[in-house]
């Protein structure tokens, strides 16, 4: 986990703002010491097998602390929002359930027979900077696919590959102030949050789109933007929505009205993800396609029109059979002459 090593090395004694949520700001030193303290507690709870952790939290500082802590501890981690219907099922295989305040209310209501912790985000003075576990296929992110009773796994080393691929596609300097609009439980949102931390930017969990350098749009947010200032287009609309600088806007939501926003002069970089795992991302704000494959994957179209992916980052989709490393994505599409993906 080179990205996390970078964050720990640069941020352990850094007092720059790392995350702003609910009217409070945590510095890098505060965020990382809280995560390291929680990681130390977690590793003490399980000694005979790898830690299996479930995070039930919304977009909160507690979620980010829990996520960093489980990676430091080398856990196999699943994150779910408090309104997920998969919490009871997923918790059955967990050694510990980590919650923010909203998640704790939901988890307590389910009566789970599992250790439950409400995450403490206060700085822990005197905590030693942790040593990260080596990259193995055991330490992984387990991603529950939305609206489906299935999941896939991404080994810890693969996260570095994914971050590198997205970083190469993004413009320089966009990670200064990242606004997290999509659920932090989604892999696409985690990708942008990790890149922001790696570049010592600030993750905003409660703010408007003014003075933001990057954000991932969801369908509701895109629809809200489209309804605002109907009399404006182009630079005038962007200035009214975002202020003097238009942020780097990315969207993986297939039902968001991105073409309509683009037509009004708001540049949005469309991407394609399978189960929130990013596959493509457009280099420019364009309509009609979902961009070129990111550098951590190869894409091809099968004879029957199904899109297939081969991952350089050891993507594990147990419900998909692999043919020489190629995994069928269950969706039809095509690639144009420039290698850009057209879904459907």
C-alpha atoms as a PDB file:
ATOM      1  CA  UNK A   1       0.000   0.000   0.000  1.00  0.00           C
ATOM      2  CA  UNK A   2       2.413   2.621  -1.243  1.00  0.00           C
ATOM      3  CA  UNK A   3      -0.240   5.331  -1.196  1.00  0.00           C
ATOM      4  CA  UNK A   4      -0.926   4.774   2.497  1.00  0.00           C
ATOM      5  CA  UNK A   5       2.795   4.698   3.276  1.00  0.00           C
ATOM      6  CA  UNK A   6       3.050   8.074   1.526  1.00  0.00           C
ATOM      7  CA  UNK A   7       0.195   9.466   3.623  1.00  0.00           C
ATOM      8  CA  UNK A   8       1.732   8.245   6.884  1.00  0.00           C
ATOM      9  CA  UNK A   9       5.211   9.484   6.028  1.00  0.00           C
ATOM     10  CA  UNK A  10       4.127  12.961   4.950  1.00  0.00           C
ATOM     11  CA  UNK A  11       1.215  13.438   7.295  1.00  0.00           C
ATOM     12  CA  UNK A  12       2.190  11.909  10.636  1.00  0.00           C
ATOM     13  CA  UNK A  13       3.303  15.254  12.123  1.00  0.00           C
ATOM     14  CA  UNK A  14       1.489  17.487   9.614  1.00  0.00           C
ATOM     15  CA  UNK A  15      -1.096  19.966  10.876  1.00  0.00           C
ATOM     16  CA  UNK A  16      -2.634  20.757   7.505  1.00  0.00           C
ATOM     17  CA  UNK A  17      -6.403  20.050   7.350  1.00  0.00           C
ATOM     18  CA  UNK A  18      -7.049  16.490   6.206  1.00  0.00           C
ATOM     19  CA  UNK A  19     -10.817  16.199   6.554  1.00  0.00           C
ATOM     20  CA  UNK A  20     -13.634  18.641   7.255  1.00  0.00           C
ATOM     21  CA  UNK A  21     -17.000  17.241   8.361  1.00  0.00           C
ATOM     22  CA  UNK A  22     -19.948  18.477  10.427  1.00  0.00           C
ATOM     23  CA  UNK A  23     -18.294  21.783  11.269  1.00  0.00           C
ATOM     24  CA  UNK A  24     -15.058  20.242  12.555  1.00  0.00           C
ATOM     25  CA  UNK A  25     -11.654  19.796  10.956  1.00  0.00           C
ATOM     26  CA  UNK A  26      -9.106  17.062  11.603  1.00  0.00           C
ATOM     27  CA  UNK A  27      -5.473  17.660  10.735  1.00  0.00           C
ATOM     28  CA  UNK A  28      -3.382  14.923   9.187  1.00  0.00           C
ATOM     29  CA  UNK A  29      -1.711  14.329  12.561  1.00  0.00           C
ATOM     30  CA  UNK A  30      -5.094  13.980  14.277  1.00  0.00           C
ATOM     31  CA  UNK A  31      -6.589  11.763  11.584  1.00  0.00           C
ATOM     32  CA  UNK A  32      -3.613   9.406  11.388  1.00  0.00           C
ATOM     33  CA  UNK A  33      -3.042   9.097  15.138  1.00  0.00           C
ATOM     34  CA  UNK A  34      -6.710   8.199  15.635  1.00  0.00           C
ATOM     35  CA  UNK A  35      -6.487   5.606  12.843  1.00  0.00           C
ATOM     36  CA  UNK A  36      -3.237   4.144  14.212  1.00  0.00           C
ATOM     37  CA  UNK A  37      -4.660   3.852  17.736  1.00  0.00           C
ATOM     38  CA  UNK A  38      -7.757   2.072  16.442  1.00  0.00           C
ATOM     39  CA  UNK A  39      -5.612  -0.229  14.282  1.00  0.00           C
ATOM     40  CA  UNK A  40      -3.550  -1.232  17.321  1.00  0.00           C
ATOM     41  CA  UNK A  41      -6.720  -2.075  19.249  1.00  0.00           C
ATOM     42  CA  UNK A  42      -8.088  -4.108  16.349  1.00  0.00           C
ATOM     43  CA  UNK A  43      -4.950  -6.215  15.916  1.00  0.00           C
ATOM     44  CA  UNK A  44      -5.128  -7.160  19.594  1.00  0.00           C
ATOM     45  CA  UNK A  45      -8.645  -8.557  19.229  1.00  0.00           C
ATOM     46  CA  UNK A  46      -7.734 -11.251  16.690  1.00  0.00           C
ATOM     47  CA  UNK A  47      -4.555 -13.314  16.881  1.00  0.00           C
ATOM     48  CA  UNK A  48      -5.396 -16.657  15.294  1.00  0.00           C
ATOM     49  CA  UNK A  49      -6.723 -15.472  11.909  1.00  0.00           C
ATOM     50  CA  UNK A  50      -6.902 -12.428   9.695  1.00  0.00           C
ATOM     51  CA  UNK A  51      -9.198  -9.677  10.929  1.00  0.00           C
ATOM     52  CA  UNK A  52     -12.532  -9.411   9.115  1.00  0.00           C
ATOM     53  CA  UNK A  53     -13.960  -5.925   9.586  1.00  0.00           C
ATOM     54  CA  UNK A  54     -17.257  -4.325   8.632  1.00  0.00           C
ATOM     55  CA  UNK A  55     -17.657  -0.541   8.564  1.00  0.00           C
ATOM     56  CA  UNK A  56     -21.220   0.779   8.840  1.00  0.00           C
ATOM     57  CA  UNK A  57     -21.049   4.534   8.463  1.00  0.00           C
ATOM     58  CA  UNK A  58     -22.075   7.451   6.326  1.00  0.00           C
ATOM     59  CA  UNK A  59     -19.785  10.137   4.939  1.00  0.00           C
ATOM     60  CA  UNK A  60     -18.148  11.042   8.225  1.00  0.00           C
ATOM     61  CA  UNK A  61     -14.726  11.514   9.761  1.00  0.00           C
ATOM     62  CA  UNK A  62     -15.385   8.318  11.733  1.00  0.00           C
ATOM     63  CA  UNK A  63     -15.764   6.395   8.479  1.00  0.00           C
ATOM     64  CA  UNK A  64     -12.436   7.665   7.199  1.00  0.00           C
ATOM     65  CA  UNK A  65     -10.647   6.853  10.481  1.00  0.00           C
ATOM     66  CA  UNK A  66     -12.117   3.323  10.464  1.00  0.00           C
ATOM     67  CA  UNK A  67     -11.156   2.775   6.830  1.00  0.00           C
ATOM     68  CA  UNK A  68      -7.542   3.839   7.394  1.00  0.00           C
ATOM     69  CA  UNK A  69      -7.344   1.809  10.611  1.00  0.00           C
ATOM     70  CA  UNK A  70      -8.472  -1.440   9.005  1.00  0.00           C
ATOM     71  CA  UNK A  71      -5.943  -1.017   6.202  1.00  0.00           C
ATOM     72  CA  UNK A  72      -3.163  -0.343   8.697  1.00  0.00           C
ATOM     73  CA  UNK A  73      -4.251  -3.498  10.542  1.00  0.00           C
ATOM     74  CA  UNK A  74      -4.138  -5.562   7.330  1.00  0.00           C
ATOM     75  CA  UNK A  75      -7.811  -6.495   7.571  1.00  0.00           C
ATOM     76  CA  UNK A  76     -10.235  -7.744   4.963  1.00  0.00           C
ATOM     77  CA  UNK A  77     -12.684  -4.857   5.065  1.00  0.00           C
ATOM     78  CA  UNK A  78     -16.204  -4.267   3.822  1.00  0.00           C
ATOM     79  CA  UNK A  79     -17.875  -0.848   4.087  1.00  0.00           C
ATOM     80  CA  UNK A  80     -21.632  -0.301   3.896  1.00  0.00           C
ATOM     81  CA  UNK A  81     -23.786   2.812   4.333  1.00  0.00           C
ATOM     82  CA  UNK A  82     -26.284   2.777   7.225  1.00  0.00           C
ATOM     83  CA  UNK A  83     -29.229   2.323   4.834  1.00  0.00           C
ATOM     84  CA  UNK A  84     -27.803  -0.833   3.243  1.00  0.00           C
ATOM     85  CA  UNK A  85     -29.916  -3.991   3.329  1.00  0.00           C
ATOM     86  CA  UNK A  86     -26.733  -6.114   3.383  1.00  0.00           C
ATOM     87  CA  UNK A  87     -25.596  -5.212   6.916  1.00  0.00           C
ATOM     88  CA  UNK A  88     -26.983  -8.232   8.766  1.00  0.00           C
ATOM     89  CA  UNK A  89     -25.738 -10.701   6.145  1.00  0.00           C
ATOM     90  CA  UNK A  90     -22.273  -9.142   5.901  1.00  0.00           C
ATOM     91  CA  UNK A  91     -21.855  -8.794   9.675  1.00  0.00           C
ATOM     92  CA  UNK A  92     -22.244 -12.556  10.097  1.00  0.00           C
ATOM     93  CA  UNK A  93     -18.674 -13.049   8.884  1.00  0.00           C
ATOM     94  CA  UNK A  94     -17.133 -10.044  10.635  1.00  0.00           C
ATOM     95  CA  UNK A  95     -14.936 -10.055  13.740  1.00  0.00           C
ATOM     96  CA  UNK A  96     -15.836  -6.465  14.504  1.00  0.00           C
ATOM     97  CA  UNK A  97     -18.320  -3.843  13.296  1.00  0.00           C
ATOM     98  CA  UNK A  98     -17.078  -0.242  13.268  1.00  0.00           C
ATOM     99  CA  UNK A  99     -19.674   2.549  13.244  1.00  0.00           C
ATOM    100  CA  UNK A 100     -20.227   6.258  13.286  1.00  0.00           C
ATOM    101  CA  UNK A 101     -23.207   7.637  15.230  1.00  0.00           C
ATOM    102  CA  UNK A 102     -25.742   6.951  12.465  1.00  0.00           C
ATOM    103  CA  UNK A 103     -24.342   3.501  11.818  1.00  0.00           C
ATOM    104  CA  UNK A 104     -24.465   2.635  15.509  1.00  0.00           C
ATOM    105  CA  UNK A 105     -28.179   3.384  15.671  1.00  0.00           C
ATOM    106  CA  UNK A 106     -28.828   1.021  12.761  1.00  0.00           C
ATOM    107  CA  UNK A 107     -26.526  -1.737  14.011  1.00  0.00           C
ATOM    108  CA  UNK A 108     -27.946  -1.653  17.545  1.00  0.00           C
ATOM    109  CA  UNK A 109     -31.417  -1.983  16.064  1.00  0.00           C
ATOM    110  CA  UNK A 110     -30.406  -5.170  14.255  1.00  0.00           C
ATOM    111  CA  UNK A 111     -29.277  -6.889  17.446  1.00  0.00           C
ATOM    112  CA  UNK A 112     -26.081  -8.249  15.897  1.00  0.00           C
ATOM    113  CA  UNK A 113     -24.132 -10.845  17.839  1.00  0.00           C
ATOM    114  CA  UNK A 114     -20.794  -9.226  17.021  1.00  0.00           C
ATOM    115  CA  UNK A 115     -18.392  -6.836  18.790  1.00  0.00           C
ATOM    116  CA  UNK A 116     -19.477  -3.294  17.887  1.00  0.00           C
ATOM    117  CA  UNK A 117     -17.357  -0.162  18.246  1.00  0.00           C
ATOM    118  CA  UNK A 118     -18.262   3.458  17.761  1.00  0.00           C
ATOM    119  CA  UNK A 119     -15.187   5.072  16.225  1.00  0.00           C
ATOM    120  CA  UNK A 120     -13.423   7.788  18.222  1.00  0.00           C
ATOM    121  CA  UNK A 121     -11.834  10.455  16.014  1.00  0.00           C
ATOM    122  CA  UNK A 122      -9.983  12.310  18.755  1.00  0.00           C
ATOM    123  CA  UNK A 123      -6.214  12.573  18.383  1.00  0.00           C
ATOM    124  CA  UNK A 124      -4.279   9.989  20.383  1.00  0.00           C
ATOM    125  CA  UNK A 125      -1.036  11.581  21.642  1.00  0.00           C
ATOM    126  CA  UNK A 126       1.872   9.213  22.110  1.00  0.00           C
ATOM    127  CA  UNK A 127       0.751   6.694  19.521  1.00  0.00           C
ATOM    128  CA  UNK A 128       3.687   5.398  17.493  1.00  0.00           C
ATOM    129  CA  UNK A 129       3.632   5.648  13.728  1.00  0.00           C
ATOM    130  CA  UNK A 130       2.521   2.200  12.554  1.00  0.00           C
ATOM    131  CA  UNK A 131       4.393  -0.199  10.320  1.00  0.00           C
ATOM    132  CA  UNK A 132       2.217  -1.340   7.460  1.00  0.00           C
ATOM    133  CA  UNK A 133       1.783  -5.055   6.737  1.00  0.00           C
ATOM    134  CA  UNK A 134       3.251  -6.357   3.503  1.00  0.00           C
ATOM    135  CA  UNK A 135       1.040  -6.462   0.434  1.00  0.00           C
ATOM    136  CA  UNK A 136      -0.798  -9.775   0.264  1.00  0.00           C
ATOM    137  CA  UNK A 137      -3.991 -11.024  -1.319  1.00  0.00           C
ATOM    138  CA  UNK A 138      -5.388 -11.530   2.188  1.00  0.00           C
ATOM    139  CA  UNK A 139      -5.442  -7.831   3.116  1.00  0.00           C
ATOM    140  CA  UNK A 140      -8.148  -6.635   0.798  1.00  0.00           C
ATOM    141  CA  UNK A 141     -11.162  -4.489   0.220  1.00  0.00           C
ATOM    142  CA  UNK A 142     -14.370  -6.461  -0.189  1.00  0.00           C
ATOM    143  CA  UNK A 143     -16.892  -4.462  -2.200  1.00  0.00           C
ATOM    144  CA  UNK A 144     -20.596  -5.306  -2.067  1.00  0.00           C
ATOM    145  CA  UNK A 145     -22.143  -4.566  -5.449  1.00  0.00           C
ATOM    146  CA  UNK A 146     -25.180  -2.281  -5.220  1.00  0.00           C
ATOM    147  CA  UNK A 147     -28.571  -3.927  -5.752  1.00  0.00           C
ATOM    148  CA  UNK A 148     -27.007  -7.389  -6.013  1.00  0.00           C
ATOM    149  CA  UNK A 149     -26.305 -10.184  -3.574  1.00  0.00           C
ATOM    150  CA  UNK A 150     -22.673 -10.515  -4.614  1.00  0.00           C
ATOM    151  CA  UNK A 151     -19.312  -8.981  -3.873  1.00  0.00           C
ATOM    152  CA  UNK A 152     -15.815  -8.772  -5.254  1.00  0.00           C
ATOM    153  CA  UNK A 153     -12.406  -8.372  -3.670  1.00  0.00           C
ATOM    154  CA  UNK A 154      -9.513  -6.051  -4.396  1.00  0.00           C
ATOM    155  CA  UNK A 155      -6.185  -7.031  -2.759  1.00  0.00           C
ATOM    156  CA  UNK A 156      -4.328  -4.196  -1.041  1.00  0.00           C
ATOM    157  CA  UNK A 157      -1.583  -4.027  -3.675  1.00  0.00           C
ATOM    158  CA  UNK A 158      -4.247  -3.566  -6.342  1.00  0.00           C
ATOM    159  CA  UNK A 159      -5.419  -0.340  -4.732  1.00  0.00           C
ATOM    160  CA  UNK A 160      -2.070   1.247  -5.615  1.00  0.00           C
ATOM    161  CA  UNK A 161      -2.523   0.209  -9.252  1.00  0.00           C
ATOM    162  CA  UNK A 162      -6.015   1.679  -9.346  1.00  0.00           C
ATOM    163  CA  UNK A 163      -4.938   4.970  -7.780  1.00  0.00           C
ATOM    164  CA  UNK A 164      -2.015   5.263 -10.181  1.00  0.00           C
ATOM    165  CA  UNK A 165      -4.338   4.733 -13.145  1.00  0.00           C
ATOM    166  CA  UNK A 166      -6.784   7.435 -12.069  1.00  0.00           C
ATOM    167  CA  UNK A 167      -3.992   9.849 -11.145  1.00  0.00           C
ATOM    168  CA  UNK A 168      -2.500   9.544 -14.630  1.00  0.00           C
ATOM    169  CA  UNK A 169      -5.854  10.433 -16.198  1.00  0.00           C
ATOM    170  CA  UNK A 170      -6.634  13.434 -13.948  1.00  0.00           C
ATOM    171  CA  UNK A 171      -5.344  16.986 -14.486  1.00  0.00           C
ATOM    172  CA  UNK A 172      -2.531  18.280 -12.278  1.00  0.00           C
ATOM    173  CA  UNK A 173      -3.485  19.974  -9.019  1.00  0.00           C
ATOM    174  CA  UNK A 174      -7.079  18.755  -8.722  1.00  0.00           C
ATOM    175  CA  UNK A 175      -6.688  17.119  -5.303  1.00  0.00           C
ATOM    176  CA  UNK A 176      -6.456  20.375  -3.308  1.00  0.00           C
ATOM    177  CA  UNK A 177     -10.033  20.297  -1.953  1.00  0.00           C
ATOM    178  CA  UNK A 178     -12.077  17.206  -2.779  1.00  0.00           C
ATOM    179  CA  UNK A 179     -15.804  17.172  -2.032  1.00  0.00           C
ATOM    180  CA  UNK A 180     -17.120  13.649  -1.295  1.00  0.00           C
ATOM    181  CA  UNK A 181     -20.676  13.526  -2.639  1.00  0.00           C
ATOM    182  CA  UNK A 182     -20.973   9.787  -3.337  1.00  0.00           C
ATOM    183  CA  UNK A 183     -21.052   7.275  -0.441  1.00  0.00           C
ATOM    184  CA  UNK A 184     -17.615   6.643   1.092  1.00  0.00           C
ATOM    185  CA  UNK A 185     -18.475   2.945   0.987  1.00  0.00           C
ATOM    186  CA  UNK A 186     -18.107   3.021  -2.819  1.00  0.00           C
ATOM    187  CA  UNK A 187     -14.736   2.173  -4.324  1.00  0.00           C
ATOM    188  CA  UNK A 188     -14.871   5.067  -6.779  1.00  0.00           C
ATOM    189  CA  UNK A 189     -15.294   7.567  -3.941  1.00  0.00           C
ATOM    190  CA  UNK A 190     -12.570   5.905  -1.876  1.00  0.00           C
ATOM    191  CA  UNK A 191     -10.253   6.206  -4.879  1.00  0.00           C
ATOM    192  CA  UNK A 192     -10.614   9.987  -5.038  1.00  0.00           C
ATOM    193  CA  UNK A 193     -10.411  10.386  -1.267  1.00  0.00           C
ATOM    194  CA  UNK A 194      -7.171   8.378  -1.114  1.00  0.00           C
ATOM    195  CA  UNK A 195      -5.667  10.444  -3.934  1.00  0.00           C
ATOM    196  CA  UNK A 196      -6.575  13.626  -2.057  1.00  0.00           C
ATOM    197  CA  UNK A 197      -4.871  12.356   1.106  1.00  0.00           C
ATOM    198  CA  UNK A 198      -1.838  11.196  -0.862  1.00  0.00           C
ATOM    199  CA  UNK A 199      -1.469  14.736  -2.241  1.00  0.00           C
ATOM    200  CA  UNK A 200      -2.077  16.319   1.202  1.00  0.00           C
ATOM    201  CA  UNK A 201      -5.322  17.938   0.117  1.00  0.00           C
ATOM    202  CA  UNK A 202      -8.480  18.326   2.190  1.00  0.00           C
ATOM    203  CA  UNK A 203     -11.424  15.918   2.010  1.00  0.00           C
ATOM    204  CA  UNK A 204     -14.690  17.805   2.422  1.00  0.00           C
ATOM    205  CA  UNK A 205     -17.609  15.773   3.748  1.00  0.00           C
ATOM    206  CA  UNK A 206     -19.979  18.678   4.287  1.00  0.00           C
ATOM    207  CA  UNK A 207     -19.680  21.660   1.987  1.00  0.00           C
ATOM    208  CA  UNK A 208     -21.033  23.285  -1.163  1.00  0.00           C
ATOM    209  CA  UNK A 209     -19.407  23.043  -4.575  1.00  0.00           C
ATOM    210  CA  UNK A 210     -17.848  26.491  -4.238  1.00  0.00           C
ATOM    211  CA  UNK A 211     -14.067  26.545  -3.737  1.00  0.00           C
ATOM    212  CA  UNK A 212     -13.815  22.833  -4.519  1.00  0.00           C
ATOM    213  CA  UNK A 213     -11.107  21.455  -6.803  1.00  0.00           C
ATOM    214  CA  UNK A 214     -12.716  18.064  -7.562  1.00  0.00           C
ATOM    215  CA  UNK A 215     -15.892  16.054  -6.923  1.00  0.00           C
ATOM    216  CA  UNK A 216     -17.649  12.905  -8.117  1.00  0.00           C
ATOM    217  CA  UNK A 217     -21.199  13.638  -9.237  1.00  0.00           C
ATOM    218  CA  UNK A 218     -24.114  11.376  -8.421  1.00  0.00           C
ATOM    219  CA  UNK A 219     -27.378  11.458 -10.378  1.00  0.00           C
ATOM    220  CA  UNK A 220     -29.231  13.572  -7.745  1.00  0.00           C
ATOM    221  CA  UNK A 221     -26.405  16.116  -7.595  1.00  0.00           C
ATOM    222  CA  UNK A 222     -26.162  16.325 -11.399  1.00  0.00           C
ATOM    223  CA  UNK A 223     -29.928  16.790 -11.660  1.00  0.00           C
ATOM    224  CA  UNK A 224     -29.786  19.539  -9.038  1.00  0.00           C
ATOM    225  CA  UNK A 225     -27.043  21.356 -10.952  1.00  0.00           C
ATOM    226  CA  UNK A 226     -29.047  21.090 -14.145  1.00  0.00           C
ATOM    227  CA  UNK A 227     -32.059  22.792 -12.539  1.00  0.00           C
ATOM    228  CA  UNK A 228     -30.064  25.782 -11.310  1.00  0.00           C
ATOM    229  CA  UNK A 229     -29.719  29.038 -13.253  1.00  0.00           C
ATOM    230  CA  UNK A 230     -31.712  27.951 -16.339  1.00  0.00           C
ATOM    231  CA  UNK A 231     -30.975  31.313 -17.949  1.00  0.00           C
ATOM    232  CA  UNK A 232     -27.194  30.704 -17.975  1.00  0.00           C
ATOM    233  CA  UNK A 233     -24.825  28.559 -20.023  1.00  0.00           C
ATOM    234  CA  UNK A 234     -21.108  28.062 -20.486  1.00  0.00           C
ATOM    235  CA  UNK A 235     -18.676  30.087 -18.393  1.00  0.00           C
ATOM    236  CA  UNK A 236     -21.482  32.134 -16.840  1.00  0.00           C
ATOM    237  CA  UNK A 237     -23.200  28.978 -15.576  1.00  0.00           C
ATOM    238  CA  UNK A 238     -19.939  27.471 -14.281  1.00  0.00           C
ATOM    239  CA  UNK A 239     -19.115  30.690 -12.438  1.00  0.00           C
ATOM    240  CA  UNK A 240     -22.572  30.791 -10.843  1.00  0.00           C
ATOM    241  CA  UNK A 241     -22.367  27.131  -9.777  1.00  0.00           C
ATOM    242  CA  UNK A 242     -18.749  26.791  -8.686  1.00  0.00           C
ATOM    243  CA  UNK A 243     -17.175  30.215  -8.300  1.00  0.00           C
ATOM    244  CA  UNK A 244     -14.069  31.393 -10.164  1.00  0.00           C
ATOM    245  CA  UNK A 245     -12.685  27.905 -10.880  1.00  0.00           C
ATOM    246  CA  UNK A 246     -14.634  24.979 -12.323  1.00  0.00           C
ATOM    247  CA  UNK A 247     -13.711  21.802 -10.407  1.00  0.00           C
ATOM    248  CA  UNK A 248     -12.655  18.497 -11.940  1.00  0.00           C
ATOM    249  CA  UNK A 249     -16.037  16.770 -12.116  1.00  0.00           C
ATOM    250  CA  UNK A 250     -16.248  13.004 -12.582  1.00  0.00           C
ATOM    251  CA  UNK A 251     -19.356  10.835 -12.897  1.00  0.00           C
ATOM    252  CA  UNK A 252     -19.684   7.036 -12.912  1.00  0.00           C
ATOM    253  CA  UNK A 253     -23.473   7.096 -12.396  1.00  0.00           C
ATOM    254  CA  UNK A 254     -25.022   5.803 -15.658  1.00  0.00           C
ATOM    255  CA  UNK A 255     -28.380   7.552 -15.110  1.00  0.00           C
ATOM    256  CA  UNK A 256     -26.978  11.018 -14.357  1.00  0.00           C
ATOM    257  CA  UNK A 257     -27.865  13.681 -16.975  1.00  0.00           C
ATOM    258  CA  UNK A 258     -24.241  14.262 -17.946  1.00  0.00           C
ATOM    259  CA  UNK A 259     -24.915  14.928 -21.641  1.00  0.00           C
ATOM    260  CA  UNK A 260     -27.342  17.690 -20.680  1.00  0.00           C
ATOM    261  CA  UNK A 261     -24.789  19.277 -18.339  1.00  0.00           C
ATOM    262  CA  UNK A 262     -22.093  19.075 -21.012  1.00  0.00           C
ATOM    263  CA  UNK A 263     -24.430  20.681 -23.544  1.00  0.00           C
ATOM    264  CA  UNK A 264     -24.847  23.637 -21.178  1.00  0.00           C
ATOM    265  CA  UNK A 265     -21.096  24.076 -20.892  1.00  0.00           C
ATOM    266  CA  UNK A 266     -20.360  22.210 -17.642  1.00  0.00           C
ATOM    267  CA  UNK A 267     -17.430  19.844 -18.346  1.00  0.00           C
ATOM    268  CA  UNK A 268     -17.961  16.421 -16.769  1.00  0.00           C
ATOM    269  CA  UNK A 269     -15.561  13.503 -17.164  1.00  0.00           C
ATOM    270  CA  UNK A 270     -17.725  10.420 -17.585  1.00  0.00           C
ATOM    271  CA  UNK A 271     -16.482   7.050 -16.413  1.00  0.00           C
ATOM    272  CA  UNK A 272     -17.663   3.454 -16.329  1.00  0.00           C
ATOM    273  CA  UNK A 273     -17.463   1.266 -13.234  1.00  0.00           C
ATOM    274  CA  UNK A 274     -18.536  -2.274 -12.474  1.00  0.00           C
ATOM    275  CA  UNK A 275     -19.728  -2.619  -8.884  1.00  0.00           C
ATOM    276  CA  UNK A 276     -18.062   0.772  -8.148  1.00  0.00           C
ATOM    277  CA  UNK A 277     -14.723  -0.564  -9.494  1.00  0.00           C
ATOM    278  CA  UNK A 278     -13.511   2.075 -12.003  1.00  0.00           C
ATOM    279  CA  UNK A 279     -12.851   0.683 -15.482  1.00  0.00           C
ATOM    280  CA  UNK A 280     -12.764   3.745 -17.751  1.00  0.00           C
ATOM    281  CA  UNK A 281     -12.526   7.493 -17.352  1.00  0.00           C
ATOM    282  CA  UNK A 282     -12.745  10.133 -20.058  1.00  0.00           C
ATOM    283  CA  UNK A 283      -9.673  12.330 -20.387  1.00  0.00           C
ATOM    284  CA  UNK A 284     -11.881  15.288 -21.310  1.00  0.00           C
ATOM    285  CA  UNK A 285     -15.423  16.365 -20.508  1.00  0.00           C
ATOM    286  CA  UNK A 286     -17.286  14.727 -23.405  1.00  0.00           C
ATOM    287  CA  UNK A 287     -20.663  13.170 -24.161  1.00  0.00           C
ATOM    288  CA  UNK A 288     -21.658   9.960 -25.903  1.00  0.00           C
ATOM    289  CA  UNK A 289     -19.028   7.650 -24.450  1.00  0.00           C
ATOM    290  CA  UNK A 290     -17.553   6.648 -21.085  1.00  0.00           C
ATOM    291  CA  UNK A 291     -13.918   7.269 -21.878  1.00  0.00           C
ATOM    292  CA  UNK A 292     -10.845   5.207 -22.456  1.00  0.00           C
ATOM    293  CA  UNK A 293      -9.842   2.210 -20.316  1.00  0.00           C
ATOM    294  CA  UNK A 294      -7.724   3.136 -17.325  1.00  0.00           C
ATOM    295  CA  UNK A 295      -4.171   1.833 -17.306  1.00  0.00           C
ATOM    296  CA  UNK A 296      -4.841  -0.896 -14.709  1.00  0.00           C
ATOM    297  CA  UNK A 297      -7.218  -2.834 -17.005  1.00  0.00           C
ATOM    298  CA  UNK A 298      -7.631  -4.104 -20.553  1.00  0.00           C
ATOM    299  CA  UNK A 299     -11.024  -4.199 -22.224  1.00  0.00           C
ATOM    300  CA  UNK A 300     -12.392  -6.188 -25.146  1.00  0.00           C
ATOM    301  CA  UNK A 301     -15.760  -7.116 -26.625  1.00  0.00           C
ATOM    302  CA  UNK A 302     -16.711 -10.802 -26.790  1.00  0.00           C
ATOM    303  CA  UNK A 303     -18.331 -12.330 -29.868  1.00  0.00           C
ATOM    304  CA  UNK A 304     -21.758 -11.983 -28.267  1.00  0.00           C
ATOM    305  CA  UNK A 305     -21.183  -8.276 -27.494  1.00  0.00           C
ATOM    306  CA  UNK A 306     -20.434  -8.662 -23.783  1.00  0.00           C
ATOM    307  CA  UNK A 307     -17.753  -6.346 -22.407  1.00  0.00           C
ATOM    308  CA  UNK A 308     -14.851  -8.229 -20.856  1.00  0.00           C
ATOM    309  CA  UNK A 309     -12.086  -6.950 -18.605  1.00  0.00           C
ATOM    310  CA  UNK A 310      -8.672  -8.257 -17.631  1.00  0.00           C
ATOM    311  CA  UNK A 311      -7.247  -6.539 -14.588  1.00  0.00           C
ATOM    312  CA  UNK A 312      -3.578  -5.914 -13.932  1.00  0.00           C
ATOM    313  CA  UNK A 313      -4.530  -5.514 -10.280  1.00  0.00           C
ATOM    314  CA  UNK A 314      -5.806  -9.039  -9.543  1.00  0.00           C
ATOM    315  CA  UNK A 315      -9.490  -8.199  -9.359  1.00  0.00           C
ATOM    316  CA  UNK A 316     -11.348 -11.107  -7.769  1.00  0.00           C
ATOM    317  CA  UNK A 317     -14.960 -11.582  -8.889  1.00  0.00           C
ATOM    318  CA  UNK A 318     -15.959 -14.980  -7.520  1.00  0.00           C
ATOM    319  CA  UNK A 319     -19.330 -14.977  -9.303  1.00  0.00           C
ATOM    320  CA  UNK A 320     -17.664 -14.545 -12.717  1.00  0.00           C
ATOM    321  CA  UNK A 321     -15.744 -17.308 -14.458  1.00  0.00           C
ATOM    322  CA  UNK A 322     -12.451 -16.174 -15.967  1.00  0.00           C
ATOM    323  CA  UNK A 323     -11.316 -17.186 -19.445  1.00  0.00           C
ATOM    324  CA  UNK A 324      -7.536 -16.772 -19.542  1.00  0.00           C
ATOM    325  CA  UNK A 325      -7.889 -13.930 -17.051  1.00  0.00           C
ATOM    326  CA  UNK A 326     -10.762 -12.209 -18.882  1.00  0.00           C
ATOM    327  CA  UNK A 327     -13.895 -11.571 -16.816  1.00  0.00           C
ATOM    328  CA  UNK A 328     -17.285 -10.967 -18.389  1.00  0.00           C
ATOM    329  CA  UNK A 329     -18.912  -7.841 -16.984  1.00  0.00           C
ATOM    330  CA  UNK A 330     -22.499  -8.840 -17.709  1.00  0.00           C
ATOM    331  CA  UNK A 331     -23.144  -5.740 -19.828  1.00  0.00           C
ATOM    332  CA  UNK A 332     -23.065  -5.244 -23.579  1.00  0.00           C
ATOM    333  CA  UNK A 333     -21.103  -2.535 -25.284  1.00  0.00           C
ATOM    334  CA  UNK A 334     -18.607  -1.623 -27.958  1.00  0.00           C
ATOM    335  CA  UNK A 335     -15.292   0.120 -28.383  1.00  0.00           C
ATOM    336  CA  UNK A 336     -14.863   2.864 -30.962  1.00  0.00           C
ATOM    337  CA  UNK A 337     -11.751   3.325 -33.106  1.00  0.00           C
ATOM    338  CA  UNK A 338     -10.146   5.429 -30.367  1.00  0.00           C
ATOM    339  CA  UNK A 339     -10.656   2.645 -27.776  1.00  0.00           C
ATOM    340  CA  UNK A 340     -13.409   4.483 -25.942  1.00  0.00           C
ATOM    341  CA  UNK A 341     -16.221   2.472 -24.409  1.00  0.00           C
ATOM    342  CA  UNK A 342     -19.850   2.732 -25.481  1.00  0.00           C
ATOM    343  CA  UNK A 343     -22.123   0.888 -23.037  1.00  0.00           C
ATOM    344  CA  UNK A 344     -25.452  -0.605 -24.149  1.00  0.00           C
END
